[in-house]
């Protein structure tokens, strides 16, 4: 979950500007129990959000991506602040049919992670000197449209410089992603990634030892061996079981499992890697062993990983200045 300068569907209140076939709509920014959502902090919640086809525009406070849709050609969308309490979603291209519009709205809910209940976490940190600021709406992790995409991108972040991660993901999208009318490409499907040989990942993507993992993951998803999308839907499955199933995926170790669990709304594991360890030392004022760090955040229970992540990334969005009286 580096950062450099890293379908659920429920009925949702939408305001359609073109009846039935939207070119633009708004979606309410509130969690399942009415908890607030800080849209900008969601956009910059982790570095994976800025990997293609996604792009975070921090100056415009907007997020753009190209979505593969099951019943229509991919569409590029731009999400930004709408009227108070809403996000505005602009859809590029010709008007969508009714079902495609529903598919797109569901994808937006998935991306903004609107169905994750963070009310318990906000109550937990309300009087916490380190994390009380987060209760204003931070902590919602921007999600990829599919768990498969998150897994592929996670593999591309392991044991490698961020520039190489960007290069690998760009190559995957440019060569295998379905093209929208605008020319932009969506993230490739498992079918597209399984259809090319492992040599493609070595020679074109230049993924090194990850090449075998990327091909095996895609082939396993297509064959039904790895049912990764279920991991984003089964809320009643214990974290330990989800972690075990993630660790069984090609190329996913302890770091990758913690990374994916954060993106799946299961932030009980701390993401300990070459970025988080020195950042913790900087914020904390001194280095600490992994065991010491884990003990410090254990009091947050199933939100330990989220508390740790927010502790490290508060400075990613400057605090709003207090208005003068």
C-alpha atoms as a PDB file:
ATOM      1  CA  UNK A   1       0.000   0.000   0.000  1.00  0.00           C
ATOM      2  CA  UNK A   2       2.654   2.467  -0.977  1.00  0.00           C
ATOM      3  CA  UNK A   3       1.837   5.978  -2.069  1.00  0.00           C
ATOM      4  CA  UNK A   4       4.108   8.163  -4.185  1.00  0.00           C
ATOM      5  CA  UNK A   5       4.312  12.289  -4.909  1.00  0.00           C
ATOM      6  CA  UNK A   6      -1.298   2.437  -3.925  1.00  0.00           C
ATOM      7  CA  UNK A   7     -20.067  -6.208  -6.924  1.00  0.00           C
ATOM      8  CA  UNK A   8     -21.832  -5.511  -3.941  1.00  0.00           C
ATOM      9  CA  UNK A   9     -25.229  -3.937  -4.741  1.00  0.00           C
ATOM     10  CA  UNK A  10     -27.850  -2.517  -2.479  1.00  0.00           C
ATOM     11  CA  UNK A  11     -30.609  -0.074  -3.293  1.00  0.00           C
ATOM     12  CA  UNK A  12     -29.047   3.352  -3.312  1.00  0.00           C
ATOM     13  CA  UNK A  13     -30.429   6.885  -3.512  1.00  0.00           C
ATOM     14  CA  UNK A  14     -29.492   8.196  -6.948  1.00  0.00           C
ATOM     15  CA  UNK A  15     -30.452  11.426  -8.642  1.00  0.00           C
ATOM     16  CA  UNK A  16     -30.603  10.802 -12.395  1.00  0.00           C
ATOM     17  CA  UNK A  17     -30.029  13.807 -14.617  1.00  0.00           C
ATOM     18  CA  UNK A  18     -31.148  11.850 -17.686  1.00  0.00           C
ATOM     19  CA  UNK A  19     -34.024   9.496 -16.878  1.00  0.00           C
ATOM     20  CA  UNK A  20     -33.015   5.838 -16.973  1.00  0.00           C
ATOM     21  CA  UNK A  21     -29.851   6.348 -19.023  1.00  0.00           C
ATOM     22  CA  UNK A  22     -27.525   8.566 -17.011  1.00  0.00           C
ATOM     23  CA  UNK A  23     -24.602  10.605 -18.203  1.00  0.00           C
ATOM     24  CA  UNK A  24     -24.257  11.963 -14.695  1.00  0.00           C
ATOM     25  CA  UNK A  25     -25.627  11.069 -11.282  1.00  0.00           C
ATOM     26  CA  UNK A  26     -25.107  11.679  -7.580  1.00  0.00           C
ATOM     27  CA  UNK A  27     -24.691   9.112  -4.834  1.00  0.00           C
ATOM     28  CA  UNK A  28     -25.142   9.731  -1.109  1.00  0.00           C
ATOM     29  CA  UNK A  29     -21.994   9.794   0.987  1.00  0.00           C
ATOM     30  CA  UNK A  30     -22.904   7.995   4.161  1.00  0.00           C
ATOM     31  CA  UNK A  31     -22.059   4.635   5.634  1.00  0.00           C
ATOM     32  CA  UNK A  32     -24.535   1.868   6.513  1.00  0.00           C
ATOM     33  CA  UNK A  33     -25.256   3.432   9.915  1.00  0.00           C
ATOM     34  CA  UNK A  34     -25.153   6.998   8.654  1.00  0.00           C
ATOM     35  CA  UNK A  35     -21.476   7.503   9.475  1.00  0.00           C
ATOM     36  CA  UNK A  36     -19.751  10.347   7.597  1.00  0.00           C
ATOM     37  CA  UNK A  37     -17.527   9.749   4.571  1.00  0.00           C
ATOM     38  CA  UNK A  38     -14.545  11.939   3.759  1.00  0.00           C
ATOM     39  CA  UNK A  39     -14.454  11.620  -0.032  1.00  0.00           C
ATOM     40  CA  UNK A  40     -10.953  13.029  -0.512  1.00  0.00           C
ATOM     41  CA  UNK A  41      -9.444  10.754   2.123  1.00  0.00           C
ATOM     42  CA  UNK A  42     -11.167   7.828   0.431  1.00  0.00           C
ATOM     43  CA  UNK A  43      -9.569   8.769  -2.894  1.00  0.00           C
ATOM     44  CA  UNK A  44      -6.076   8.881  -1.352  1.00  0.00           C
ATOM     45  CA  UNK A  45      -6.582   6.072   1.155  1.00  0.00           C
ATOM     46  CA  UNK A  46      -3.796   3.954  -0.353  1.00  0.00           C
ATOM     47  CA  UNK A  47      -1.395   3.928  -3.284  1.00  0.00           C
ATOM     48  CA  UNK A  48      -3.175   1.182  -5.238  1.00  0.00           C
ATOM     49  CA  UNK A  49      -5.943   3.715  -5.885  1.00  0.00           C
ATOM     50  CA  UNK A  50      -3.583   5.576  -8.211  1.00  0.00           C
ATOM     51  CA  UNK A  51      -2.658   2.538 -10.317  1.00  0.00           C
ATOM     52  CA  UNK A  52      -4.278   2.313 -13.729  1.00  0.00           C
ATOM     53  CA  UNK A  53      -6.939   2.389 -14.821  1.00  0.00           C
ATOM     54  CA  UNK A  54      -7.524   4.514 -11.718  1.00  0.00           C
ATOM     55  CA  UNK A  55      -6.098   8.002 -11.357  1.00  0.00           C
ATOM     56  CA  UNK A  56      -6.301  10.331  -8.379  1.00  0.00           C
ATOM     57  CA  UNK A  57      -6.295  14.063  -9.147  1.00  0.00           C
ATOM     58  CA  UNK A  58      -5.447  15.649  -5.815  1.00  0.00           C
ATOM     59  CA  UNK A  59      -5.699  19.225  -7.112  1.00  0.00           C
ATOM     60  CA  UNK A  60      -9.184  18.661  -8.527  1.00  0.00           C
ATOM     61  CA  UNK A  61     -10.070  16.295  -5.660  1.00  0.00           C
ATOM     62  CA  UNK A  62     -11.385  13.762  -8.134  1.00  0.00           C
ATOM     63  CA  UNK A  63     -10.953  10.115  -9.060  1.00  0.00           C
ATOM     64  CA  UNK A  64     -11.110   8.817 -12.624  1.00  0.00           C
ATOM     65  CA  UNK A  65     -11.176   5.207 -13.779  1.00  0.00           C
ATOM     66  CA  UNK A  66     -12.375   3.049 -16.663  1.00  0.00           C
ATOM     67  CA  UNK A  67     -14.788   0.300 -15.678  1.00  0.00           C
ATOM     68  CA  UNK A  68     -15.446  -2.992 -17.417  1.00  0.00           C
ATOM     69  CA  UNK A  69     -19.214  -3.581 -17.463  1.00  0.00           C
ATOM     70  CA  UNK A  70     -20.898  -6.980 -17.924  1.00  0.00           C
ATOM     71  CA  UNK A  71     -23.544  -5.691 -20.354  1.00  0.00           C
ATOM     72  CA  UNK A  72     -21.845  -2.782 -22.108  1.00  0.00           C
ATOM     73  CA  UNK A  73     -18.556  -1.494 -23.448  1.00  0.00           C
ATOM     74  CA  UNK A  74     -16.218  -0.167 -20.712  1.00  0.00           C
ATOM     75  CA  UNK A  75     -16.914   3.370 -19.549  1.00  0.00           C
ATOM     76  CA  UNK A  76     -14.629   6.011 -18.111  1.00  0.00           C
ATOM     77  CA  UNK A  77     -16.081   7.733 -15.052  1.00  0.00           C
ATOM     78  CA  UNK A  78     -15.017  10.695 -12.960  1.00  0.00           C
ATOM     79  CA  UNK A  79     -16.036  10.901  -9.290  1.00  0.00           C
ATOM     80  CA  UNK A  80     -15.853  14.225  -7.468  1.00  0.00           C
ATOM     81  CA  UNK A  81     -17.683  16.155  -4.764  1.00  0.00           C
ATOM     82  CA  UNK A  82     -21.283  16.987  -5.541  1.00  0.00           C
ATOM     83  CA  UNK A  83     -23.682  18.980  -3.422  1.00  0.00           C
ATOM     84  CA  UNK A  84     -23.125  18.601   0.328  1.00  0.00           C
ATOM     85  CA  UNK A  85     -23.337  14.958   1.361  1.00  0.00           C
ATOM     86  CA  UNK A  86     -23.112  13.572  -2.169  1.00  0.00           C
ATOM     87  CA  UNK A  87     -20.524  12.488  -4.706  1.00  0.00           C
ATOM     88  CA  UNK A  88     -20.969  13.419  -8.352  1.00  0.00           C
ATOM     89  CA  UNK A  89     -20.324  10.714 -10.949  1.00  0.00           C
ATOM     90  CA  UNK A  90     -19.799  11.748 -14.577  1.00  0.00           C
ATOM     91  CA  UNK A  91     -20.002   9.001 -17.204  1.00  0.00           C
ATOM     92  CA  UNK A  92     -18.140   9.410 -20.487  1.00  0.00           C
ATOM     93  CA  UNK A  93     -19.696   8.330 -23.763  1.00  0.00           C
ATOM     94  CA  UNK A  94     -23.154   7.637 -25.087  1.00  0.00           C
ATOM     95  CA  UNK A  95     -26.080   7.034 -22.797  1.00  0.00           C
ATOM     96  CA  UNK A  96     -26.387   3.740 -20.973  1.00  0.00           C
ATOM     97  CA  UNK A  97     -29.331   1.372 -20.925  1.00  0.00           C
ATOM     98  CA  UNK A  98     -31.204   0.701 -17.705  1.00  0.00           C
ATOM     99  CA  UNK A  99     -29.352  -2.473 -16.708  1.00  0.00           C
ATOM    100  CA  UNK A 100     -25.925  -1.144 -17.652  1.00  0.00           C
ATOM    101  CA  UNK A 101     -26.680   1.946 -15.585  1.00  0.00           C
ATOM    102  CA  UNK A 102     -27.463  -0.257 -12.580  1.00  0.00           C
ATOM    103  CA  UNK A 103     -24.232  -2.178 -13.118  1.00  0.00           C
ATOM    104  CA  UNK A 104     -22.268   1.055 -13.202  1.00  0.00           C
ATOM    105  CA  UNK A 105     -23.957   2.391 -10.047  1.00  0.00           C
ATOM    106  CA  UNK A 106     -23.135  -0.865  -8.255  1.00  0.00           C
ATOM    107  CA  UNK A 107     -19.502  -0.557  -9.357  1.00  0.00           C
ATOM    108  CA  UNK A 108     -19.325   2.970  -7.965  1.00  0.00           C
ATOM    109  CA  UNK A 109     -20.666   1.780  -4.612  1.00  0.00           C
ATOM    110  CA  UNK A 110     -17.994  -0.919  -4.653  1.00  0.00           C
ATOM    111  CA  UNK A 111     -15.198   1.524  -5.505  1.00  0.00           C
ATOM    112  CA  UNK A 112     -16.205   4.026  -2.807  1.00  0.00           C
ATOM    113  CA  UNK A 113     -16.700   1.147  -0.357  1.00  0.00           C
ATOM    114  CA  UNK A 114     -20.014   2.622   0.764  1.00  0.00           C
ATOM    115  CA  UNK A 115     -21.301  -0.573   2.344  1.00  0.00           C
ATOM    116  CA  UNK A 116     -18.527  -1.022   4.910  1.00  0.00           C
ATOM    117  CA  UNK A 117     -19.809  -0.219   8.411  1.00  0.00           C
ATOM    118  CA  UNK A 118     -17.155   1.866  10.202  1.00  0.00           C
ATOM    119  CA  UNK A 119     -19.403   3.139  12.999  1.00  0.00           C
ATOM    120  CA  UNK A 120     -17.838   0.778  15.562  1.00  0.00           C
ATOM    121  CA  UNK A 121     -14.343   1.955  14.624  1.00  0.00           C
ATOM    122  CA  UNK A 122     -15.338   5.610  14.912  1.00  0.00           C
ATOM    123  CA  UNK A 123     -16.814   4.990  18.368  1.00  0.00           C
ATOM    124  CA  UNK A 124     -13.607   3.219  19.366  1.00  0.00           C
ATOM    125  CA  UNK A 125     -11.352   6.148  18.403  1.00  0.00           C
ATOM    126  CA  UNK A 126     -13.634   9.036  19.369  1.00  0.00           C
ATOM    127  CA  UNK A 127     -11.548   9.900  22.463  1.00  0.00           C
ATOM    128  CA  UNK A 128      -8.253   8.552  21.142  1.00  0.00           C
ATOM    129  CA  UNK A 129      -5.580  11.296  20.956  1.00  0.00           C
ATOM    130  CA  UNK A 130      -3.859   9.532  18.053  1.00  0.00           C
ATOM    131  CA  UNK A 131      -6.907   8.758  15.930  1.00  0.00           C
ATOM    132  CA  UNK A 132      -9.913  10.841  16.980  1.00  0.00           C
ATOM    133  CA  UNK A 133      -9.476  12.911  13.789  1.00  0.00           C
ATOM    134  CA  UNK A 134     -10.440   9.846  11.741  1.00  0.00           C
ATOM    135  CA  UNK A 135     -13.982   9.784  13.154  1.00  0.00           C
ATOM    136  CA  UNK A 136     -14.865  12.657  10.808  1.00  0.00           C
ATOM    137  CA  UNK A 137     -14.963  10.141   7.948  1.00  0.00           C
ATOM    138  CA  UNK A 138     -11.477   8.747   7.269  1.00  0.00           C
ATOM    139  CA  UNK A 139     -10.622   5.056   7.018  1.00  0.00           C
ATOM    140  CA  UNK A 140     -12.783   3.977   4.104  1.00  0.00           C
ATOM    141  CA  UNK A 141     -10.451   2.228   1.653  1.00  0.00           C
ATOM    142  CA  UNK A 142     -11.042   2.864  -2.036  1.00  0.00           C
ATOM    143  CA  UNK A 143     -11.688  -0.550  -3.579  1.00  0.00           C
ATOM    144  CA  UNK A 144     -11.081  -2.086  -6.970  1.00  0.00           C
ATOM    145  CA  UNK A 145     -14.173  -3.254  -8.877  1.00  0.00           C
ATOM    146  CA  UNK A 146     -13.096  -6.879  -8.399  1.00  0.00           C
ATOM    147  CA  UNK A 147     -11.077  -8.833  -5.857  1.00  0.00           C
ATOM    148  CA  UNK A 148      -9.112 -10.286  -8.768  1.00  0.00           C
ATOM    149  CA  UNK A 149      -7.830  -6.835  -9.719  1.00  0.00           C
ATOM    150  CA  UNK A 150      -6.803  -6.153  -6.120  1.00  0.00           C
ATOM    151  CA  UNK A 151      -4.943  -9.474  -5.959  1.00  0.00           C
ATOM    152  CA  UNK A 152      -3.065  -8.835  -9.207  1.00  0.00           C
ATOM    153  CA  UNK A 153      -2.050  -5.353  -8.123  1.00  0.00           C
ATOM    154  CA  UNK A 154      -0.968  -6.674  -4.727  1.00  0.00           C
ATOM    155  CA  UNK A 155       1.320  -9.214  -6.384  1.00  0.00           C
ATOM    156  CA  UNK A 156       2.782  -6.369  -8.442  1.00  0.00           C
ATOM    157  CA  UNK A 157       3.708  -4.477  -5.235  1.00  0.00           C
ATOM    158  CA  UNK A 158       5.717  -7.281  -3.622  1.00  0.00           C
ATOM    159  CA  UNK A 159       9.488  -6.924  -3.246  1.00  0.00           C
ATOM    160  CA  UNK A 160       9.758  -4.204  -5.850  1.00  0.00           C
ATOM    161  CA  UNK A 161      10.143  -0.440  -6.224  1.00  0.00           C
ATOM    162  CA  UNK A 162       6.923   1.498  -6.765  1.00  0.00           C
ATOM    163  CA  UNK A 163       8.082   2.597 -10.234  1.00  0.00           C
ATOM    164  CA  UNK A 164       8.266  -1.057 -11.268  1.00  0.00           C
ATOM    165  CA  UNK A 165       4.769  -1.683  -9.868  1.00  0.00           C
ATOM    166  CA  UNK A 166       3.453   1.168 -12.014  1.00  0.00           C
ATOM    167  CA  UNK A 167       5.273  -0.189 -15.074  1.00  0.00           C
ATOM    168  CA  UNK A 168       3.858  -3.699 -14.623  1.00  0.00           C
ATOM    169  CA  UNK A 169       0.271  -2.546 -14.089  1.00  0.00           C
ATOM    170  CA  UNK A 170       0.500  -0.155 -17.044  1.00  0.00           C
ATOM    171  CA  UNK A 171       1.657  -3.019 -19.274  1.00  0.00           C
ATOM    172  CA  UNK A 172      -1.219  -5.233 -18.149  1.00  0.00           C
ATOM    173  CA  UNK A 173      -3.815  -2.548 -18.843  1.00  0.00           C
ATOM    174  CA  UNK A 174      -2.291  -1.381 -22.146  1.00  0.00           C
ATOM    175  CA  UNK A 175      -1.993  -4.873 -23.601  1.00  0.00           C
ATOM    176  CA  UNK A 176      -4.907  -6.808 -22.122  1.00  0.00           C
ATOM    177  CA  UNK A 177      -7.533  -4.318 -20.933  1.00  0.00           C
ATOM    178  CA  UNK A 178     -10.771  -3.940 -22.893  1.00  0.00           C
ATOM    179  CA  UNK A 179     -10.940  -0.586 -24.652  1.00  0.00           C
ATOM    180  CA  UNK A 180     -13.635   2.028 -24.006  1.00  0.00           C
ATOM    181  CA  UNK A 181     -14.978   4.224 -26.825  1.00  0.00           C
ATOM    182  CA  UNK A 182     -12.666   6.991 -25.603  1.00  0.00           C
ATOM    183  CA  UNK A 183      -9.631   4.748 -26.108  1.00  0.00           C
ATOM    184  CA  UNK A 184      -9.004   4.306 -22.372  1.00  0.00           C
ATOM    185  CA  UNK A 185      -8.726   0.719 -21.164  1.00  0.00           C
ATOM    186  CA  UNK A 186     -10.261  -1.100 -18.211  1.00  0.00           C
ATOM    187  CA  UNK A 187      -8.283  -3.476 -16.018  1.00  0.00           C
ATOM    188  CA  UNK A 188      -7.959  -6.868 -17.763  1.00  0.00           C
ATOM    189  CA  UNK A 189     -10.239  -9.714 -16.819  1.00  0.00           C
ATOM    190  CA  UNK A 190      -8.976 -13.039 -15.528  1.00  0.00           C
ATOM    191  CA  UNK A 191      -9.974 -14.550 -18.888  1.00  0.00           C
ATOM    192  CA  UNK A 192      -7.784 -12.069 -20.773  1.00  0.00           C
ATOM    193  CA  UNK A 193      -4.837 -12.666 -18.451  1.00  0.00           C
ATOM    194  CA  UNK A 194      -5.195 -16.450 -18.598  1.00  0.00           C
ATOM    195  CA  UNK A 195      -5.327 -16.435 -22.400  1.00  0.00           C
ATOM    196  CA  UNK A 196      -1.718 -15.248 -22.806  1.00  0.00           C
ATOM    197  CA  UNK A 197       1.295 -17.443 -22.037  1.00  0.00           C
ATOM    198  CA  UNK A 198       3.512 -17.005 -19.002  1.00  0.00           C
ATOM    199  CA  UNK A 199       6.210 -15.669 -21.332  1.00  0.00           C
ATOM    200  CA  UNK A 200       4.058 -12.576 -21.912  1.00  0.00           C
ATOM    201  CA  UNK A 201       4.428 -11.671 -18.248  1.00  0.00           C
ATOM    202  CA  UNK A 202       8.177 -12.147 -18.375  1.00  0.00           C
ATOM    203  CA  UNK A 203       8.853 -10.399 -21.667  1.00  0.00           C
ATOM    204  CA  UNK A 204       6.173  -7.706 -21.975  1.00  0.00           C
ATOM    205  CA  UNK A 205       5.080  -7.007 -18.403  1.00  0.00           C
ATOM    206  CA  UNK A 206       8.609  -7.703 -17.122  1.00  0.00           C
ATOM    207  CA  UNK A 207       7.170  -9.129 -13.934  1.00  0.00           C
ATOM    208  CA  UNK A 208      10.153 -11.371 -13.180  1.00  0.00           C
ATOM    209  CA  UNK A 209       9.399 -14.201 -10.757  1.00  0.00           C
ATOM    210  CA  UNK A 210       5.851 -12.800 -10.391  1.00  0.00           C
ATOM    211  CA  UNK A 211       5.110 -13.916 -13.958  1.00  0.00           C
ATOM    212  CA  UNK A 212       4.299 -17.471 -12.903  1.00  0.00           C
ATOM    213  CA  UNK A 213       2.090 -16.188 -10.080  1.00  0.00           C
ATOM    214  CA  UNK A 214       0.121 -13.802 -12.307  1.00  0.00           C
ATOM    215  CA  UNK A 215      -0.545 -16.462 -14.919  1.00  0.00           C
ATOM    216  CA  UNK A 216      -1.411 -19.119 -12.332  1.00  0.00           C
ATOM    217  CA  UNK A 217      -3.794 -16.785 -10.490  1.00  0.00           C
ATOM    218  CA  UNK A 218      -5.665 -15.842 -13.658  1.00  0.00           C
ATOM    219  CA  UNK A 219      -5.834 -19.446 -14.874  1.00  0.00           C
ATOM    220  CA  UNK A 220      -7.025 -20.628 -11.461  1.00  0.00           C
ATOM    221  CA  UNK A 221      -9.780 -18.003 -11.319  1.00  0.00           C
ATOM    222  CA  UNK A 222     -10.998 -18.935 -14.817  1.00  0.00           C
ATOM    223  CA  UNK A 223     -10.971 -22.641 -13.907  1.00  0.00           C
ATOM    224  CA  UNK A 224     -12.880 -22.007 -10.672  1.00  0.00           C
ATOM    225  CA  UNK A 225     -10.009 -23.201  -8.493  1.00  0.00           C
ATOM    226  CA  UNK A 226      -9.677 -19.773  -6.853  1.00  0.00           C
ATOM    227  CA  UNK A 227     -13.069 -18.237  -6.079  1.00  0.00           C
ATOM    228  CA  UNK A 228     -11.626 -14.870  -5.162  1.00  0.00           C
ATOM    229  CA  UNK A 229     -14.759 -12.776  -5.673  1.00  0.00           C
ATOM    230  CA  UNK A 230     -16.511 -14.666  -2.874  1.00  0.00           C
ATOM    231  CA  UNK A 231     -13.953 -13.265  -0.436  1.00  0.00           C
ATOM    232  CA  UNK A 232     -15.459  -9.822  -0.927  1.00  0.00           C
ATOM    233  CA  UNK A 233     -18.986 -11.018  -0.229  1.00  0.00           C
ATOM    234  CA  UNK A 234     -18.846 -13.468   2.681  1.00  0.00           C
ATOM    235  CA  UNK A 235     -19.076 -11.203   5.704  1.00  0.00           C
ATOM    236  CA  UNK A 236     -19.801 -14.119   8.057  1.00  0.00           C
ATOM    237  CA  UNK A 237     -16.509 -15.910   7.301  1.00  0.00           C
ATOM    238  CA  UNK A 238     -13.901 -15.384  10.079  1.00  0.00           C
ATOM    239  CA  UNK A 239     -10.804 -13.325   9.301  1.00  0.00           C
ATOM    240  CA  UNK A 240      -8.517 -16.285   9.938  1.00  0.00           C
ATOM    241  CA  UNK A 241     -10.271 -18.307   7.253  1.00  0.00           C
ATOM    242  CA  UNK A 242     -10.144 -15.430   4.775  1.00  0.00           C
ATOM    243  CA  UNK A 243      -6.424 -14.995   5.501  1.00  0.00           C
ATOM    244  CA  UNK A 244      -5.874 -18.721   4.953  1.00  0.00           C
ATOM    245  CA  UNK A 245      -7.666 -18.610   1.608  1.00  0.00           C
ATOM    246  CA  UNK A 246      -5.674 -15.560   0.528  1.00  0.00           C
ATOM    247  CA  UNK A 247      -2.396 -17.214   1.503  1.00  0.00           C
ATOM    248  CA  UNK A 248      -3.341 -20.125  -0.776  1.00  0.00           C
ATOM    249  CA  UNK A 249      -3.349 -17.809  -3.803  1.00  0.00           C
ATOM    250  CA  UNK A 250      -0.230 -17.783  -6.014  1.00  0.00           C
ATOM    251  CA  UNK A 251       2.144 -14.993  -5.011  1.00  0.00           C
ATOM    252  CA  UNK A 252       0.293 -13.981  -1.833  1.00  0.00           C
ATOM    253  CA  UNK A 253       2.271 -14.174   1.417  1.00  0.00           C
ATOM    254  CA  UNK A 254       1.683 -12.559   4.840  1.00  0.00           C
ATOM    255  CA  UNK A 255       2.207  -9.020   3.502  1.00  0.00           C
ATOM    256  CA  UNK A 256      -0.077  -9.654   0.524  1.00  0.00           C
ATOM    257  CA  UNK A 257      -2.792 -11.197   2.696  1.00  0.00           C
ATOM    258  CA  UNK A 258      -2.773  -8.218   5.080  1.00  0.00           C
ATOM    259  CA  UNK A 259      -2.826  -5.838   2.111  1.00  0.00           C
ATOM    260  CA  UNK A 260      -5.800  -7.573   0.514  1.00  0.00           C
ATOM    261  CA  UNK A 261      -7.683  -7.900   3.780  1.00  0.00           C
ATOM    262  CA  UNK A 262      -7.469  -4.144   4.252  1.00  0.00           C
ATOM    263  CA  UNK A 263      -8.989  -3.651   0.795  1.00  0.00           C
ATOM    264  CA  UNK A 264     -11.714  -6.192   1.600  1.00  0.00           C
ATOM    265  CA  UNK A 265     -12.815  -4.371   4.740  1.00  0.00           C
ATOM    266  CA  UNK A 266     -11.084  -6.806   7.111  1.00  0.00           C
ATOM    267  CA  UNK A 267      -8.328  -4.606   8.585  1.00  0.00           C
ATOM    268  CA  UNK A 268      -7.305  -6.861  11.472  1.00  0.00           C
ATOM    269  CA  UNK A 269      -3.755  -7.432  10.154  1.00  0.00           C
ATOM    270  CA  UNK A 270      -1.012  -4.809  10.095  1.00  0.00           C
ATOM    271  CA  UNK A 271       0.661  -4.207   6.754  1.00  0.00           C
ATOM    272  CA  UNK A 272       4.332  -4.394   7.694  1.00  0.00           C
ATOM    273  CA  UNK A 273       6.666  -3.757   4.778  1.00  0.00           C
ATOM    274  CA  UNK A 274       9.555  -1.628   3.543  1.00  0.00           C
ATOM    275  CA  UNK A 275       7.371   1.500   3.499  1.00  0.00           C
ATOM    276  CA  UNK A 276       5.335   1.157   6.684  1.00  0.00           C
ATOM    277  CA  UNK A 277       8.235   0.257   8.987  1.00  0.00           C
ATOM    278  CA  UNK A 278      10.319   3.419   8.341  1.00  0.00           C
ATOM    279  CA  UNK A 279       7.176   5.570   8.215  1.00  0.00           C
ATOM    280  CA  UNK A 280       6.182   4.273  11.633  1.00  0.00           C
ATOM    281  CA  UNK A 281       9.649   5.107  12.978  1.00  0.00           C
ATOM    282  CA  UNK A 282       9.311   8.631  11.571  1.00  0.00           C
ATOM    283  CA  UNK A 283       5.844   9.264  13.006  1.00  0.00           C
ATOM    284  CA  UNK A 284       6.579   7.502  16.297  1.00  0.00           C
ATOM    285  CA  UNK A 285       9.962   9.134  16.772  1.00  0.00           C
ATOM    286  CA  UNK A 286      11.913   5.892  16.980  1.00  0.00           C
ATOM    287  CA  UNK A 287      12.149   2.444  15.433  1.00  0.00           C
ATOM    288  CA  UNK A 288      10.292  -0.517  16.866  1.00  0.00           C
ATOM    289  CA  UNK A 289      10.167  -4.239  16.189  1.00  0.00           C
ATOM    290  CA  UNK A 290       7.170  -5.695  14.385  1.00  0.00           C
ATOM    291  CA  UNK A 291       6.097  -7.387  17.619  1.00  0.00           C
ATOM    292  CA  UNK A 292       6.202  -4.071  19.491  1.00  0.00           C
ATOM    293  CA  UNK A 293       4.154  -2.346  16.809  1.00  0.00           C
ATOM    294  CA  UNK A 294       1.585  -5.134  16.800  1.00  0.00           C
ATOM    295  CA  UNK A 295       1.254  -4.939  20.587  1.00  0.00           C
ATOM    296  CA  UNK A 296       0.682  -1.185  20.405  1.00  0.00           C
ATOM    297  CA  UNK A 297      -2.251  -1.533  18.020  1.00  0.00           C
ATOM    298  CA  UNK A 298      -3.734  -4.704  19.483  1.00  0.00           C
ATOM    299  CA  UNK A 299      -6.202  -2.685  21.549  1.00  0.00           C
ATOM    300  CA  UNK A 300      -8.073  -1.771  18.364  1.00  0.00           C
ATOM    301  CA  UNK A 301      -9.098  -5.402  17.895  1.00  0.00           C
ATOM    302  CA  UNK A 302     -10.408  -6.185  14.425  1.00  0.00           C
ATOM    303  CA  UNK A 303      -9.490  -2.661  13.379  1.00  0.00           C
ATOM    304  CA  UNK A 304      -5.817  -2.976  14.351  1.00  0.00           C
ATOM    305  CA  UNK A 305      -4.588  -2.776  10.780  1.00  0.00           C
ATOM    306  CA  UNK A 306      -6.799   0.193   9.982  1.00  0.00           C
ATOM    307  CA  UNK A 307      -5.672   2.065  13.096  1.00  0.00           C
ATOM    308  CA  UNK A 308      -2.045   1.419  12.164  1.00  0.00           C
ATOM    309  CA  UNK A 309      -2.596   2.573   8.570  1.00  0.00           C
ATOM    310  CA  UNK A 310      -4.351   5.781   9.575  1.00  0.00           C
ATOM    311  CA  UNK A 311      -1.659   6.511  12.172  1.00  0.00           C
ATOM    312  CA  UNK A 312       0.869   6.431   9.327  1.00  0.00           C
ATOM    313  CA  UNK A 313      -1.106   8.334   6.706  1.00  0.00           C
ATOM    314  CA  UNK A 314      -2.757  11.232   8.487  1.00  0.00           C
ATOM    315  CA  UNK A 315      -0.397  13.635   6.703  1.00  0.00           C
ATOM    316  CA  UNK A 316      -1.592  12.522   3.260  1.00  0.00           C
ATOM    317  CA  UNK A 317      -4.407  15.080   3.481  1.00  0.00           C
ATOM    318  CA  UNK A 318      -3.555  18.400   5.163  1.00  0.00           C
ATOM    319  CA  UNK A 319      -5.792  19.345   8.062  1.00  0.00           C
ATOM    320  CA  UNK A 320      -8.282  22.054   7.167  1.00  0.00           C
ATOM    321  CA  UNK A 321      -7.272  25.397   8.687  1.00  0.00           C
ATOM    322  CA  UNK A 322      -9.385  26.580  11.602  1.00  0.00           C
ATOM    323  CA  UNK A 323     -11.336  29.655  10.409  1.00  0.00           C
ATOM    324  CA  UNK A 324     -10.510  32.910  12.190  1.00  0.00           C
ATOM    325  CA  UNK A 325     -13.202  34.532  14.262  1.00  0.00           C
END
